[in-house]
Protein backbone atom coordinates (compact mmCIF):
# COMPACT_ATOMS: atom_id res chain seq x y z
CA MET A 1 0.00 0.00 0.00
CA THR A 2 1.39 3.43 -0.93
CA ASN A 3 1.93 6.18 1.61
CA ASP A 4 -0.99 8.15 0.11
CA ARG A 5 -3.30 5.17 0.49
CA ARG A 6 -2.12 4.57 4.05
CA PHE A 7 -2.80 8.20 4.86
CA PHE A 8 -6.23 8.03 3.22
CA ALA A 9 -7.14 4.82 5.07
CA ARG A 10 -6.01 6.32 8.38
CA LEU A 11 -7.97 9.49 7.65
CA ILE A 12 -11.14 7.57 6.81
CA LYS A 13 -10.75 5.49 9.97
CA SER A 14 -10.35 8.64 12.08
CA VAL A 15 -13.32 10.36 10.50
CA SER A 16 -15.44 7.24 10.88
CA LEU A 17 -14.57 6.99 14.57
CA LEU A 18 -15.44 10.62 15.25
CA THR A 19 -18.60 10.28 13.18
CA ALA A 20 -19.68 7.22 15.15
CA ALA A 21 -19.10 9.07 18.44
CA ALA A 22 -20.96 12.13 17.17
CA LEU A 23 -23.89 10.01 16.02
CA ILE A 24 -24.07 8.23 19.38
CA GLY A 25 -24.04 11.61 21.06
CA LYS A 26 -26.76 12.94 18.74
CA VAL A 27 -28.99 9.94 19.44
CA PHE A 28 -28.55 10.34 23.20
CA SER A 29 -29.13 14.09 22.91
CA ALA A 30 -32.38 13.52 21.04
CA VAL A 31 -33.75 10.61 23.07
CA TYR A 32 -33.47 12.03 26.60
CA ARG A 33 -35.63 15.04 25.75
CA ILE A 34 -38.70 12.82 25.44
CA PRO A 35 -38.72 11.42 29.02
CA TYR A 36 -37.63 14.86 30.26
CA GLN A 37 -40.73 16.44 28.67
CA ASN A 38 -42.90 13.60 29.95
CA MET A 39 -41.70 14.24 33.52
CA THR A 40 -41.65 18.05 33.54
CA GLY A 41 -44.43 18.87 31.04
CA ASP A 42 -44.38 21.40 28.25
CA ILE A 43 -43.52 24.27 30.61
CA GLY A 44 -40.54 22.38 32.03
CA TYR A 45 -39.45 21.47 28.52
CA TYR A 46 -39.75 25.12 27.51
CA VAL A 47 -37.45 26.19 30.36
CA TYR A 48 -34.77 23.70 29.33
CA GLN A 49 -35.02 24.48 25.62
CA GLN A 50 -34.72 28.22 26.23
CA VAL A 51 -31.20 27.90 27.63
CA TYR A 52 -30.01 24.76 25.85
CA PRO A 53 -28.71 26.59 22.73
CA PHE A 54 -26.00 28.27 24.84
CA TYR A 55 -24.86 24.88 26.13
CA GLY A 56 -25.14 23.23 22.73
CA ILE A 57 -23.15 25.90 20.93
CA ALA A 58 -20.34 25.68 23.51
CA MET A 59 -20.16 21.90 23.15
CA ILE A 60 -20.14 21.98 19.35
CA LEU A 61 -17.28 24.49 19.40
CA ALA A 62 -15.41 22.13 21.72
CA LEU A 63 -16.06 19.11 19.47
CA TYR A 64 -16.02 20.28 15.85
CA GLY A 65 -14.62 23.81 15.84
CA PHE A 66 -11.61 24.60 18.01
CA PRO A 67 -10.08 21.08 18.12
CA ALA A 68 -10.04 20.78 14.32
CA VAL A 69 -8.43 24.20 13.83
CA LEU A 70 -5.91 23.61 16.63
CA ALA A 71 -4.99 20.18 15.25
CA GLY A 72 -4.42 21.73 11.83
CA GLU A 73 -2.07 24.31 13.32
CA MET A 74 -0.13 21.72 15.31
CA LEU A 75 0.29 19.45 12.28
CA GLN A 76 2.30 22.23 10.66
CA GLN A 77 4.83 22.14 13.52
CA LYS A 78 7.70 19.65 13.14
CA LYS A 79 9.20 20.03 16.62
CA ALA A 80 7.43 18.89 19.80
CA SER A 81 8.46 22.12 21.53
CA ASP A 82 6.79 24.19 18.80
CA ARG A 83 3.60 22.14 19.06
CA PHE A 84 3.45 22.74 22.80
CA GLU A 85 4.04 26.45 22.23
CA THR A 86 1.07 26.44 19.89
CA MET A 87 -0.98 24.69 22.57
CA LYS A 88 0.14 27.24 25.14
CA ALA A 89 -0.89 30.17 22.97
CA ALA A 90 -4.17 28.48 22.10
CA GLY A 91 -4.79 27.76 25.77
CA VAL A 92 -4.32 31.40 26.76
CA VAL A 93 -6.64 32.55 23.97
CA LEU A 94 -9.32 29.95 24.70
CA ILE A 95 -9.24 30.52 28.46
CA SER A 96 -9.53 34.27 27.95
CA ALA A 97 -12.45 33.83 25.56
CA ALA A 98 -14.15 31.26 27.80
CA VAL A 99 -13.87 33.36 30.95
CA SER A 100 -15.20 36.37 29.04
CA ALA A 101 -18.19 34.37 27.72
CA PHE A 102 -18.87 32.98 31.19
CA ALA A 103 -18.69 36.40 32.82
CA LEU A 104 -20.89 38.08 30.21
CA LEU A 105 -23.65 35.47 30.41
CA PHE A 106 -23.45 35.17 34.22
CA LEU A 107 -23.52 38.92 34.85
CA PHE A 108 -26.04 39.79 32.15
CA SER A 109 -28.37 36.84 32.71
CA PRO A 110 -31.16 39.16 33.92
CA VAL A 111 -30.84 41.16 30.71
CA VAL A 112 -30.82 38.04 28.54
CA ALA A 113 -33.81 36.59 30.42
CA GLY A 114 -35.68 39.87 29.97
CA ALA A 115 -34.94 39.80 26.25
CA MET A 116 -36.41 36.28 26.18
CA GLY A 117 -39.55 37.60 27.85
CA ASP A 118 -39.12 35.55 31.04
CA GLU A 119 -37.08 36.95 33.94
CA GLN A 120 -37.46 33.70 35.88
CA LEU A 121 -34.90 32.18 33.51
CA THR A 122 -32.11 34.18 35.18
CA PRO A 123 -30.83 31.43 37.55
CA VAL A 124 -31.07 28.83 34.78
CA LEU A 125 -28.96 31.03 32.49
CA ARG A 126 -26.44 31.63 35.26
CA MET A 127 -26.04 27.90 35.77
CA THR A 128 -25.62 27.43 32.01
CA SER A 129 -22.84 30.03 31.84
CA PHE A 130 -20.43 27.68 33.68
CA VAL A 131 -20.26 25.40 30.63
CA PHE A 132 -18.00 27.90 28.84
CA LEU A 133 -15.28 27.28 31.44
CA LEU A 134 -14.97 23.68 30.20
CA VAL A 135 -14.49 24.60 26.54
CA PRO A 136 -10.69 25.22 26.81
CA VAL A 137 -9.99 21.84 28.43
CA LEU A 138 -12.16 19.94 25.95
CA SER A 139 -10.79 21.84 22.95
CA LEU A 140 -7.12 21.59 23.90
CA GLY A 141 -7.32 17.91 24.79
CA ARG A 142 -9.19 16.93 21.65
CA GLY A 143 -7.06 19.17 19.44
CA TYR A 144 -3.85 17.67 20.80
CA TYR A 145 -4.92 14.05 20.29
CA GLN A 146 -6.41 14.80 16.86
CA SER A 147 -3.09 16.28 15.79
CA ARG A 148 -1.48 12.98 16.82
CA GLY A 149 -4.03 11.00 14.80
CA LYS A 150 -5.60 9.57 17.97
CA MET A 151 -9.30 10.18 17.45
CA GLU A 152 -10.10 7.60 20.12
CA ALA A 153 -9.56 10.22 22.82
CA THR A 154 -12.02 12.64 21.21
CA ALA A 155 -14.55 9.88 20.61
CA LEU A 156 -14.26 8.49 24.14
CA SER A 157 -14.55 11.89 25.81
CA HIS A 158 -17.62 12.77 23.72
CA VAL A 159 -19.43 9.50 24.38
CA VAL A 160 -18.66 9.67 28.12
CA GLU A 161 -19.88 13.26 28.19
CA GLN A 162 -23.18 12.41 26.49
CA VAL A 163 -23.90 9.23 28.45
CA CYS A 164 -23.15 10.87 31.80
CA ARG A 165 -25.13 13.99 30.87
CA VAL A 166 -28.24 12.02 29.94
CA ILE A 167 -28.07 9.84 33.05
CA PHE A 168 -27.50 12.81 35.35
CA ILE A 169 -30.30 14.88 33.78
CA LEU A 170 -32.93 12.16 33.91
CA LEU A 171 -32.03 11.07 37.46
CA PHE A 172 -32.12 14.65 38.68
CA ALA A 173 -35.38 15.44 36.88
CA TRP A 174 -37.02 12.33 38.33
CA ALA A 175 -35.86 13.18 41.86
CA ALA A 176 -36.80 16.86 41.54
CA VAL A 177 -40.27 16.15 40.15
CA SER A 178 -40.85 13.57 42.89
CA ALA A 179 -39.84 16.20 45.45
CA GLY A 180 -42.27 18.74 43.98
CA GLN A 181 -39.65 21.21 42.74
CA GLY A 182 -40.68 24.01 40.38
CA VAL A 183 -39.86 23.84 36.68
CA TYR A 184 -37.28 26.63 36.88
CA ASN A 185 -35.40 24.90 39.70
CA ILE A 186 -35.56 21.67 37.71
CA GLY A 187 -34.24 23.50 34.63
CA ALA A 188 -31.30 24.94 36.57
CA GLY A 189 -30.54 21.53 38.03
CA ALA A 190 -30.75 19.89 34.60
CA MET A 191 -28.21 22.35 33.25
CA GLY A 192 -26.02 21.62 36.26
CA ALA A 193 -26.31 17.92 35.40
CA SER A 194 -25.33 18.74 31.81
CA ILE A 195 -22.23 20.54 33.03
CA ALA A 196 -21.39 17.57 35.24
CA GLY A 197 -21.56 15.37 32.13
CA ALA A 198 -19.28 17.73 30.22
CA SER A 199 -16.90 17.69 33.19
CA ALA A 200 -16.75 13.90 32.94
CA GLY A 201 -15.67 14.24 29.30
CA ALA A 202 -13.02 16.78 30.28
CA LEU A 203 -11.81 14.50 33.08
CA ILE A 204 -11.25 11.68 30.58
CA LEU A 205 -8.98 13.92 28.51
CA LEU A 206 -7.06 15.12 31.58
CA LEU A 207 -6.50 11.54 32.74
CA LEU A 208 -5.28 10.49 29.30
CA TRP A 209 -2.89 13.44 29.25
CA TRP A 210 -1.64 12.71 32.78
CA PHE A 211 -0.95 9.04 32.06
CA GLN A 212 0.99 9.98 28.93
CA HIS A 213 2.99 12.93 30.28
CA ARG A 214 3.32 12.34 34.01
CA ARG A 215 6.99 11.34 33.62
CA LYS A 216 7.88 13.80 30.89
CA PRO A 217 8.64 17.47 31.47
CA LEU A 218 6.64 19.66 29.13
CA PRO A 219 8.95 21.64 26.83
CA PHE A 220 7.18 24.99 27.22
CA ARG A 221 9.30 28.04 26.49
CA PHE A 222 7.57 31.00 28.08
CA ARG A 223 8.90 33.60 25.70
CA GLY A 224 7.27 36.93 25.06
CA ALA A 225 4.20 35.99 23.09
CA GLY A 226 1.92 39.03 22.86
CA LYS A 227 2.11 39.06 19.07
CA GLU A 228 1.77 35.27 18.97
CA TYR A 229 -1.46 35.44 20.97
CA LYS A 230 -2.93 38.03 18.63
CA ILE A 231 -2.12 35.78 15.68
CA MET A 232 -3.73 32.82 17.49
CA VAL A 233 -6.94 34.80 17.99
CA LYS A 234 -7.21 35.19 14.22
CA LYS A 235 -6.14 31.60 13.53
CA LEU A 236 -8.27 29.87 16.17
CA LEU A 237 -11.32 31.77 17.40
CA ILE A 238 -12.87 33.01 14.17
CA PRO A 239 -12.02 29.92 12.03
CA GLY A 240 -13.17 27.67 14.89
CA VAL A 241 -16.60 29.28 14.96
CA ILE A 242 -16.89 29.33 11.16
CA ALA A 243 -15.83 25.67 10.81
CA CYS A 244 -18.74 24.32 12.85
CA LEU A 245 -21.61 26.58 11.79
CA GLY A 246 -22.98 23.79 9.61
CA ALA A 247 -23.18 21.47 12.61
CA MET A 248 -25.05 24.05 14.68
CA VAL A 249 -27.65 25.23 12.15
CA PHE A 250 -30.59 23.93 14.20
CA LEU A 251 -29.04 25.30 17.42
CA PHE A 252 -28.67 28.65 15.67
CA TYR A 253 -32.38 28.62 14.86
CA GLN A 254 -33.31 27.48 18.39
CA TRP A 255 -31.28 30.36 19.77
CA ILE A 256 -33.27 32.78 17.61
CA ASP A 257 -36.53 31.14 18.77
CA ALA A 258 -35.47 31.56 22.41
CA PHE A 259 -35.46 35.34 22.04
CA THR A 260 -38.39 35.84 19.69
CA VAL A 261 -41.10 33.18 20.13
CA VAL A 262 -42.49 34.09 23.58
CA PRO A 263 -42.49 37.89 22.98
CA GLY A 264 -43.99 37.25 19.53
CA LEU A 265 -46.73 35.01 20.93
CA GLU A 266 -47.59 37.64 23.54
CA ALA A 267 -47.90 40.18 20.73
CA TYR A 268 -50.16 37.66 18.94
CA GLY A 269 -52.44 37.69 21.99
CA VAL A 270 -51.33 34.56 23.90
CA SER A 271 -50.97 35.12 27.65
CA GLY A 272 -47.59 34.75 29.37
CA GLN A 273 -48.00 31.22 30.79
CA ASP A 274 -49.75 29.94 27.68
CA ALA A 275 -47.02 31.48 25.50
CA LYS A 276 -44.35 29.55 27.41
CA GLU A 277 -46.31 26.32 27.13
CA THR A 278 -46.82 26.89 23.41
CA LYS A 279 -43.07 27.38 23.00
CA GLY A 280 -42.55 24.03 24.74
CA VAL A 281 -45.03 22.43 22.35
CA LEU A 282 -43.23 23.99 19.37
CA ASP A 283 -39.96 22.47 20.60
CA ARG A 284 -41.40 18.96 20.63
CA ALA A 285 -40.23 18.53 17.04
CA GLN A 286 -36.57 19.22 17.88
CA PRO A 287 -35.56 15.63 18.82
CA LEU A 288 -37.15 14.33 15.63
CA LEU A 289 -35.41 16.96 13.50
CA GLN A 290 -32.08 15.94 15.07
CA PHE A 291 -32.74 12.33 14.14
CA GLY A 292 -33.42 13.45 10.59
CA THR A 293 -29.92 14.88 10.22
CA VAL A 294 -28.04 11.89 11.69
CA VAL A 295 -27.40 10.19 8.33
CA SER A 296 -26.58 13.47 6.59
CA THR A 297 -24.07 14.33 9.32
CA ALA A 298 -22.43 10.94 8.81
CA LEU A 299 -22.39 11.46 5.03
CA ALA A 300 -20.84 14.90 5.41
CA ALA A 301 -18.07 13.63 7.67
CA ALA A 302 -17.41 10.65 5.42
CA VAL A 303 -17.26 12.59 2.16
CA LEU A 304 -15.22 15.58 3.42
CA PRO A 305 -11.78 13.87 3.24
CA SER A 306 -12.57 12.62 -0.28
CA LEU A 307 -13.24 16.01 -1.87
CA ARG A 308 -9.88 16.19 -3.55
CA GLY A 309 -8.81 15.55 -7.11
CA GLN A 310 -10.96 14.45 -10.00
CA GLU A 311 -13.35 12.34 -7.94
CA GLY A 312 -14.43 15.17 -5.59
CA ALA A 313 -17.26 16.50 -7.77
CA PHE A 314 -18.64 13.01 -8.32
CA LEU A 315 -18.56 12.07 -4.62
CA GLY A 316 -20.03 15.42 -3.57
CA GLY A 317 -22.91 15.01 -6.01
CA LEU A 318 -23.53 11.46 -4.85
CA ALA A 319 -23.58 12.53 -1.18
CA LEU A 320 -26.08 15.29 -1.96
CA ARG A 321 -28.34 12.90 -3.84
CA ILE A 322 -28.32 10.48 -0.91
CA SER A 323 -29.12 13.37 1.44
CA LEU A 324 -32.01 14.46 -0.76
CA VAL A 325 -33.50 10.97 -0.82
CA ILE A 326 -33.15 10.38 2.92
CA GLY A 327 -34.19 13.92 3.91
CA GLY A 328 -37.15 13.91 1.54
CA ALA A 329 -38.33 10.49 2.70
CA ALA A 330 -37.98 11.53 6.36
CA ALA A 331 -39.94 14.73 5.70
CA VAL A 332 -42.76 12.89 3.94
CA GLY A 333 -42.85 10.17 6.59
CA LEU A 334 -42.95 12.51 9.60
CA TYR A 335 -45.48 14.80 7.91
CA THR A 336 -47.80 11.84 7.32
CA VAL A 337 -47.56 10.18 10.74
CA ALA A 338 -47.00 13.28 12.90
CA ASP A 339 -50.22 12.73 14.87
CA PHE A 340 -49.27 9.17 15.91
CA VAL A 341 -45.67 10.15 16.71
CA ASN A 342 -46.77 13.12 18.82
CA VAL A 343 -49.16 11.05 20.94
CA MET A 344 -46.65 8.19 21.23
CA LEU A 345 -43.77 10.37 22.43
CA PHE A 346 -45.49 13.26 24.22
CA GLU A 347 -48.77 11.71 25.45
CA ASN A 348 -51.13 14.05 23.57
CA SER A 349 -51.64 15.57 20.13
CA ARG A 350 -50.94 19.20 21.03
CA GLY A 351 -48.83 20.84 18.35
CA THR A 352 -49.28 18.08 15.76
CA GLU A 353 -49.79 20.69 13.04
CA LEU A 354 -46.55 22.43 14.04
CA MET A 355 -44.67 19.12 14.02
CA ALA A 356 -46.04 18.31 10.57
CA VAL A 357 -45.01 21.71 9.21
CA LEU A 358 -41.53 21.47 10.74
CA ALA A 359 -41.15 18.03 9.18
CA ILE A 360 -40.73 19.83 5.85
CA SER A 361 -37.47 21.29 7.16
CA LEU A 362 -35.93 17.80 6.99
CA LEU A 363 -35.99 18.17 3.23
CA PHE A 364 -33.53 21.07 3.51
CA SER A 365 -31.48 20.26 6.61
CA GLY A 366 -29.77 17.18 5.17
CA TRP A 367 -28.87 19.11 2.02
CA ILE A 368 -27.46 21.99 4.09
CA VAL A 369 -25.23 19.78 6.26
CA THR A 370 -23.84 17.89 3.26
CA ALA A 371 -23.42 20.96 1.04
CA ASN A 372 -21.67 22.75 3.90
CA ALA A 373 -19.11 19.92 4.05
CA ILE A 374 -18.60 20.17 0.28
CA PHE A 375 -17.90 23.90 0.51
CA GLN A 376 -15.43 23.32 3.33
CA GLY A 377 -13.73 20.53 1.41
CA GLY A 378 -13.44 22.84 -1.59
CA GLY A 379 -11.85 25.60 0.51
CA TYR A 380 -14.93 27.86 0.64
CA VAL A 381 -15.25 27.86 4.43
CA ARG A 382 -16.33 31.50 4.83
CA THR A 383 -18.80 31.14 1.98
CA ALA A 384 -20.36 28.13 3.71
CA ALA A 385 -20.69 30.07 6.96
CA GLY A 386 -22.12 33.12 5.20
CA LEU A 387 -24.89 31.07 3.60
CA ILE A 388 -25.96 29.67 6.97
CA VAL A 389 -25.92 33.15 8.51
CA ALA A 390 -28.04 34.40 5.58
CA GLY A 391 -30.63 31.74 6.36
CA GLY A 392 -30.50 32.72 10.02
CA VAL A 393 -31.27 36.34 9.11
CA ILE A 394 -34.33 35.15 7.16
CA LYS A 395 -35.36 33.06 10.18
CA LEU A 396 -34.97 36.06 12.52
CA VAL A 397 -36.90 38.46 10.30
CA GLY A 398 -39.53 35.78 9.69
CA ASN A 399 -40.03 35.24 13.41
CA ILE A 400 -40.35 38.96 14.08
CA VAL A 401 -42.89 39.45 11.30
CA LEU A 402 -44.81 36.17 11.22
CA ILE A 403 -45.23 35.18 14.89
CA PRO A 404 -47.27 38.28 15.89
CA ALA A 405 -49.45 37.67 12.82
CA PHE A 406 -49.81 33.86 12.79
CA GLY A 407 -48.64 32.62 16.18
CA ALA A 408 -46.41 29.56 16.56
CA ALA A 409 -47.11 28.57 12.97
CA GLY A 410 -45.18 31.69 11.96
CA ALA A 411 -42.07 30.40 13.77
CA ALA A 412 -42.33 27.06 11.97
CA ALA A 413 -42.76 28.81 8.62
CA ALA A 414 -39.76 31.05 9.35
CA THR A 415 -37.62 27.98 10.07
CA ILE A 416 -38.54 26.45 6.72
CA GLY A 417 -37.99 29.77 4.97
CA GLY A 418 -34.51 30.24 6.44
CA LEU A 419 -33.42 26.69 5.60
CA ALA A 420 -34.88 26.97 2.09
CA VAL A 421 -32.95 30.19 1.41
CA THR A 422 -29.69 28.64 2.58
CA SER A 423 -30.32 25.55 0.44
CA LEU A 424 -31.12 27.64 -2.63
CA LEU A 425 -28.02 29.81 -2.24
CA GLN A 426 -25.88 26.72 -1.69
CA GLY A 427 -27.21 25.20 -4.90
CA VAL A 428 -26.45 28.36 -6.89
CA LEU A 429 -22.88 28.58 -5.60
CA LEU A 430 -22.22 24.86 -5.97
CA GLN A 431 -23.07 25.34 -9.62
CA LYS A 432 -20.98 28.50 -9.90
CA TYR A 433 -17.88 26.92 -8.36
CA ARG A 434 -18.47 23.56 -10.10
CA LEU A 435 -17.99 21.65 -6.88
CA ILE A 436 -20.37 18.77 -7.68
CA SER A 437 -21.70 16.76 -10.58
CA TRP A 438 -25.41 17.57 -10.85
CA PRO A 439 -27.91 14.74 -11.34
CA PRO A 440 -29.61 14.44 -14.74
CA PRO A 441 -33.25 15.57 -15.17
CA ARG A 442 -34.39 11.94 -15.16
CA TRP A 443 -33.03 11.50 -11.64
CA CYS A 444 -34.89 14.61 -10.41
CA VAL A 445 -38.17 13.32 -11.89
CA CYS A 446 -37.64 9.93 -10.23
CA TRP A 447 -36.88 11.61 -6.90
CA VAL A 448 -40.12 13.61 -6.99
CA THR A 449 -41.98 10.44 -8.00
CA LEU A 450 -40.47 8.65 -4.99
CA LEU A 451 -41.74 11.31 -2.58
CA VAL A 452 -45.22 11.42 -4.12
CA LEU A 453 -45.65 7.65 -4.11
CA LEU A 454 -44.23 7.33 -0.60
CA GLY A 455 -46.58 10.00 0.73
CA ALA A 456 -49.58 8.47 -1.04
CA GLY A 457 -48.74 4.99 0.24
CA LEU A 458 -48.39 6.13 3.87
CA TRP A 459 -51.57 8.19 3.64
CA VAL A 460 -53.56 5.17 2.45
CA LEU A 461 -52.04 2.90 5.13
CA GLN A 462 -52.95 5.27 7.98
CA LEU A 463 -56.58 5.80 6.91
CA PRO A 464 -58.01 2.90 8.98
CA ALA A 465 -56.54 4.35 12.17
CA GLY A 466 -58.46 7.61 12.09
CA SER A 467 -57.72 9.74 15.15
CA VAL A 468 -55.81 7.87 17.89
CA ASP A 469 -55.58 9.38 21.39
CA VAL A 470 -54.34 6.33 23.32
CA ARG A 471 -50.56 6.29 23.63
CA THR A 472 -50.13 2.54 23.18
CA ALA A 473 -52.26 2.45 20.04
CA ALA A 474 -50.52 5.53 18.67
CA GLY A 475 -47.16 3.86 19.27
CA MET A 476 -48.19 0.73 17.43
CA TRP A 477 -49.43 2.74 14.47
CA ALA A 478 -46.35 5.00 14.43
CA LEU A 479 -43.88 2.13 14.54
CA GLY A 480 -45.86 0.06 12.07
CA LEU A 481 -46.14 2.91 9.59
CA ALA A 482 -42.44 3.72 10.05
CA GLY A 483 -41.49 0.16 9.18
CA ALA A 484 -43.85 0.12 6.22
CA GLY A 485 -42.47 3.47 5.08
CA VAL A 486 -38.87 2.24 5.16
CA ALA A 487 -39.78 -0.89 3.20
CA LEU A 488 -41.78 1.10 0.66
CA CYS A 489 -39.00 3.68 0.30
CA LEU A 490 -36.35 1.02 -0.33
CA ALA A 491 -38.58 -0.70 -2.87
CA LEU A 492 -39.18 2.60 -4.68
CA ILE A 493 -35.47 3.47 -4.68
CA LYS A 494 -34.72 0.12 -6.29
CA GLY A 495 -37.64 0.24 -8.69
CA LEU A 496 -36.95 3.81 -9.83
CA LYS A 497 -33.20 3.09 -10.05
CA LEU A 498 -32.22 6.22 -8.16
CA PHE A 499 -28.81 4.73 -7.39
CA GLU A 500 -26.73 2.18 -9.20
CA ARG A 501 -25.11 -0.58 -7.19
CA GLN A 502 -21.71 0.71 -8.26
CA GLU A 503 -22.47 4.13 -6.75
CA TRP A 504 -23.21 2.64 -3.34
CA ASN A 505 -20.03 0.54 -3.57
CA ILE A 506 -17.94 3.57 -4.51
CA PHE A 507 -19.23 5.60 -1.60
CA SER A 508 -18.83 2.80 0.90
CA ALA A 509 -15.22 2.43 -0.23
CA GLY A 510 -14.46 5.90 1.08
CA GLY A 511 -14.23 7.60 -2.27
CA ASN A 512 -11.71 5.29 -3.96
CA LYS A 513 -13.61 5.04 -7.21
CA ASN A 514 -10.80 3.44 -9.18
CA GLU A 515 -10.37 0.63 -6.70
CA LYS A 516 -13.95 -0.53 -7.30
CA ARG A 517 -13.38 -0.49 -11.02
CA GLY A 518 -10.35 -2.67 -10.69
CA THR A 519 -7.83 -0.04 -11.79
CA SER A 520 -5.08 1.79 -10.04
């Protein structure tokens, strides 16, 4: 095996490991919200969801953003002493930024809570602010091991963080509800449990570092580094944020909702308590939307290392087609069975219409995540970030205009509008920069046919059920229809010949197209 092939195989293995850890984390992050809502109700769920974007953004920066940029910088250093100097400068910059973020959110929590339309969120926000203090440890540890090609450390720390966080949150929520605690106290405690989970992930990295370096003096040279720190700010902070915007698109939109939905609903005429409960109902769709992007996230991570050379456009186009099929099928499926899923997971059918409308966003979210990876692989990192920000602006303006006029449905429509704008702009620029091979018109017609037939089939299958209010019956119908939908979708994909067998083989080989053709 040549050195290039060894490097490629090692790269694919590393990406696959991180992807697997991220997917496990995403599944845990989506699943625990359901029992949490069941225990605390829509108001309790609202409290948690209002502050979660701050936590989520910090954790994504510490998983996808800063470690990747730091590892890239350290890979350019040939001497161990220079790599540690880079870590030292990065540590100073990250600690300064983290302490500043912590202090700002802690001190201005009353202002932030007031902007959200709920001053009782102040202690919950203050508890959440502590998560920023863990970002430097997580980022430095993961960045160091990624630069050494040891993705196991990043994967292990992330899985431990997620597992511990979910266990701590659910145990605390159960105990607090049993003790009759209020939803705001439960929310603050749940965020404290989240921080405890993140601390467990940081502890794993510290222990790995200690076992490796406990007998070795660290070759730090504490030279005058004022200029070096300024350079590191430009090299680390801004690129770190830009690099992971694609992974936080839904968090970005949730953050906008946190500041605009409750005030907008009050302007629409919904009273304060009812507005909070309606926001909790609106957020019921979030775990399902996260599930919808799991495969696209895996595709994006798998295809990113392959976007080099002559095969990049082909692989990028193939990844986007797979995302369109999976995202479209998920959107049609959730739209059709939203009533059964809502009752099964959340005990009643409140907000079914909102869930059905938000299901449409799955059509765009998979495309956005995959296209974002293609732009990054092609070197258009700032362009990729700008397109996501543009969609966020549409979402913000849409919330401000539509919620006072149409209520919670306006927030759902604004989400779809923002994602649609980002998707459209991505498509235009992918064509302009010739980053992918576009599918032929026949493929597009077959794709639309797939969605129409899938929707019609599921609609016919659910007709005998009518309206189901019993949770057990709703669960049976939801799971049965989901299984039937998967089988029907696979049959349609095969019958319409949306993908050739060779295309699946090429993609599963990690992008080595020639190898599958028997050439070298």
